[in-house]
Amino acid sequence: MKKTRVAAFTLMECLLALLVLSGSFLVFDGLTKLVSQEVRHQTSSVDRDWLVFAEQLRTEFDGVSLLKVENNRIYVDKDGQLLAFGKSKGDDFRKTNDKGQGYQPMLYHLQSVQISQSDGLVRIDLTFQNGKRRTFLYDFTEAS
């Protein structure tokens, strides 16, 4: 009789395979939880940024006089200093002087901004890169 060895899975190899599989599942589970947490954080970050922006813009507009709304920008006079507010060529809403010089970003990650005026009421419609939309209204007639 001839003895032949048959290749088989040993107990040690089986345990190692189970360990690798369970480790892979744990890593996958951890990554999916991390991704969902990051999505929640990004959503709340946009909301928090929006609230800060709205309060900052409200403060900037207090005590100024509206000159005009033109080319998707708001032009105001603040104690003789002419300022402009609007979306830059990039993805941010910023405050500059009336010639577009200076750089003070107020809100990032914007896809589009539409600014319109009806009498003294200015409406700013913002669309974020993640698809969220917000509207800011300010009545300059009450400030006068």
Protein backbone atom coordinates (compact mmCIF):
# COMPACT_ATOMS: atom_id res chain seq x y z
CA MET A 1 0.00 0.00 0.00
CA LYS A 2 1.15 3.37 -0.97
CA LYS A 3 0.65 6.26 1.44
CA THR A 4 -0.48 9.47 -0.19
CA ARG A 5 -0.97 12.78 1.49
CA VAL A 6 -4.11 14.67 0.70
CA ALA A 7 -3.98 18.45 1.03
CA ALA A 8 -6.58 19.54 3.53
CA PHE A 9 -7.51 22.46 5.69
CA THR A 10 -6.01 22.15 9.10
CA LEU A 11 -7.73 23.41 12.18
CA MET A 12 -5.17 26.19 12.47
CA GLU A 13 -5.79 27.39 8.91
CA CYS A 14 -9.53 27.32 9.49
CA LEU A 15 -9.23 29.45 12.63
CA LEU A 16 -6.96 31.91 10.82
CA ALA A 17 -9.47 32.24 7.95
CA LEU A 18 -12.29 32.92 10.44
CA LEU A 19 -10.17 35.51 12.20
CA VAL A 20 -9.42 37.32 8.92
CA LEU A 21 -13.10 37.27 7.91
CA SER A 22 -14.34 38.60 11.24
CA GLY A 23 -11.65 41.32 11.21
CA SER A 24 -12.69 42.36 7.71
CA PHE A 25 -16.32 42.63 8.77
CA LEU A 26 -15.38 44.73 11.81
CA VAL A 27 -13.32 47.12 9.67
CA PHE A 28 -16.14 47.43 7.13
CA ASP A 29 -18.68 48.11 9.90
CA GLY A 30 -16.43 50.77 11.42
CA LEU A 31 -15.92 52.51 8.10
CA THR A 32 -19.64 52.65 7.32
CA LYS A 33 -20.31 54.17 10.75
CA LEU A 34 -17.55 56.71 10.15
CA VAL A 35 -18.97 57.70 6.75
CA SER A 36 -22.49 58.15 8.13
CA GLN A 37 -21.14 60.22 11.01
CA GLU A 38 -19.20 62.42 8.57
CA VAL A 39 -22.33 62.98 6.47
CA ARG A 40 -24.24 64.05 9.58
CA HIS A 41 -21.40 66.39 10.55
CA GLN A 42 -21.27 67.98 7.10
CA THR A 43 -25.01 68.60 7.19
CA SER A 44 -24.89 70.23 10.60
CA SER A 45 -21.78 72.19 9.55
CA VAL A 46 -23.67 73.82 6.66
CA ASP A 47 -26.53 74.71 9.01
CA ARG A 48 -24.14 76.16 11.58
CA ASP A 49 -22.25 78.12 8.89
CA TRP A 50 -25.56 79.45 7.58
CA LEU A 51 -26.61 80.70 11.01
CA VAL A 52 -23.27 82.45 11.55
CA PHE A 53 -23.44 83.98 8.06
CA ALA A 54 -26.99 85.26 8.53
CA GLU A 55 -26.13 86.90 11.85
CA GLN A 56 -22.91 88.39 10.47
CA LEU A 57 -24.66 89.78 7.38
CA ARG A 58 -27.46 91.21 9.52
CA THR A 59 -24.83 92.98 11.65
CA GLU A 60 -23.01 94.26 8.55
CA PHE A 61 -26.26 95.70 7.13
CA ASP A 62 -27.30 97.45 10.36
CA GLY A 63 -26.78 101.20 10.03
CA VAL A 64 -25.79 101.22 6.36
CA SER A 65 -27.62 102.72 3.40
CA LEU A 66 -28.37 100.67 0.30
CA LEU A 67 -26.91 102.17 -2.87
CA LYS A 68 -27.90 99.57 -5.47
CA VAL A 69 -28.18 95.90 -6.36
CA GLU A 70 -26.36 95.23 -9.60
CA ASN A 71 -24.53 92.31 -11.24
CA ASN A 72 -25.60 89.99 -8.42
CA ARG A 73 -23.92 92.24 -5.83
CA ILE A 74 -25.23 94.48 -3.07
CA TYR A 75 -23.58 97.91 -2.86
CA VAL A 76 -23.91 99.81 0.42
CA ASP A 77 -22.53 102.94 2.04
CA LYS A 78 -21.21 102.51 5.57
CA ASP A 79 -20.21 105.90 6.98
CA GLY A 80 -18.69 107.02 3.66
CA GLN A 81 -17.03 103.67 2.97
CA LEU A 82 -18.48 101.97 -0.11
CA LEU A 83 -18.80 98.19 0.29
CA ALA A 84 -19.99 95.36 -1.95
CA PHE A 85 -21.35 91.95 -0.94
CA GLY A 86 -21.73 89.05 -3.34
CA LYS A 87 -20.49 85.71 -4.62
CA SER A 88 -16.91 85.60 -5.83
CA LYS A 89 -15.70 83.76 -8.91
CA GLY A 90 -14.92 80.86 -6.58
CA ASP A 91 -17.36 79.21 -4.21
CA ASP A 92 -17.65 81.84 -1.48
CA PHE A 93 -19.80 84.85 -0.59
CA ARG A 94 -17.58 87.77 0.36
CA LYS A 95 -17.41 91.37 1.46
CA THR A 96 -15.20 93.69 -0.60
CA ASN A 97 -14.93 97.39 -1.33
CA ASP A 98 -17.07 98.80 -4.16
CA LYS A 99 -14.34 98.03 -6.72
CA GLY A 100 -14.14 94.37 -5.71
CA GLN A 101 -10.84 94.77 -3.89
CA GLY A 102 -10.21 93.16 -0.54
CA TYR A 103 -11.00 89.71 0.60
CA GLN A 104 -13.30 88.87 3.46
CA PRO A 105 -15.11 85.59 2.80
CA MET A 106 -18.28 85.15 4.79
CA LEU A 107 -19.64 81.80 3.56
CA TYR A 108 -18.05 78.91 1.64
CA HIS A 109 -19.21 75.96 -0.52
CA LEU A 110 -21.75 77.89 -2.58
CA GLN A 111 -22.92 76.70 -5.95
CA SER A 112 -24.96 79.77 -6.89
CA VAL A 113 -26.22 83.07 -5.48
CA GLN A 114 -29.11 85.17 -6.79
CA ILE A 115 -29.58 88.68 -5.40
CA SER A 116 -32.67 90.73 -6.14
CA GLN A 117 -34.19 93.96 -4.87
CA SER A 118 -37.76 95.14 -4.54
CA ASP A 119 -37.85 98.72 -3.23
CA GLY A 120 -35.78 98.53 -0.03
CA LEU A 121 -36.17 94.76 0.42
CA VAL A 122 -33.13 92.76 -0.66
CA ARG A 123 -33.42 89.01 -1.21
CA ILE A 124 -30.41 86.71 -1.38
CA ASP A 125 -31.06 83.14 -2.57
CA LEU A 126 -28.11 80.82 -1.91
CA THR A 127 -27.64 77.28 -3.17
CA PHE A 128 -24.91 75.22 -1.52
CA GLN A 129 -22.79 72.63 -3.29
CA ASN A 130 -24.58 69.86 -1.38
CA GLY A 131 -27.94 71.04 -2.82
CA LYS A 132 -29.30 72.85 0.24
CA ARG A 133 -30.98 76.20 -0.38
CA ARG A 134 -31.31 79.16 1.94
CA THR A 135 -32.86 82.63 1.54
CA PHE A 136 -31.80 85.78 3.37
CA LEU A 137 -34.11 88.81 3.42
CA TYR A 138 -33.16 92.27 4.65
CA ASP A 139 -35.35 95.36 4.64
CA PHE A 140 -33.19 98.46 4.23
CA THR A 141 -36.22 100.79 4.50
CA GLU A 142 -36.50 100.07 8.25
CA ALA A 143 -32.84 101.04 8.78
CA SER A 144 -33.38 104.52 7.29
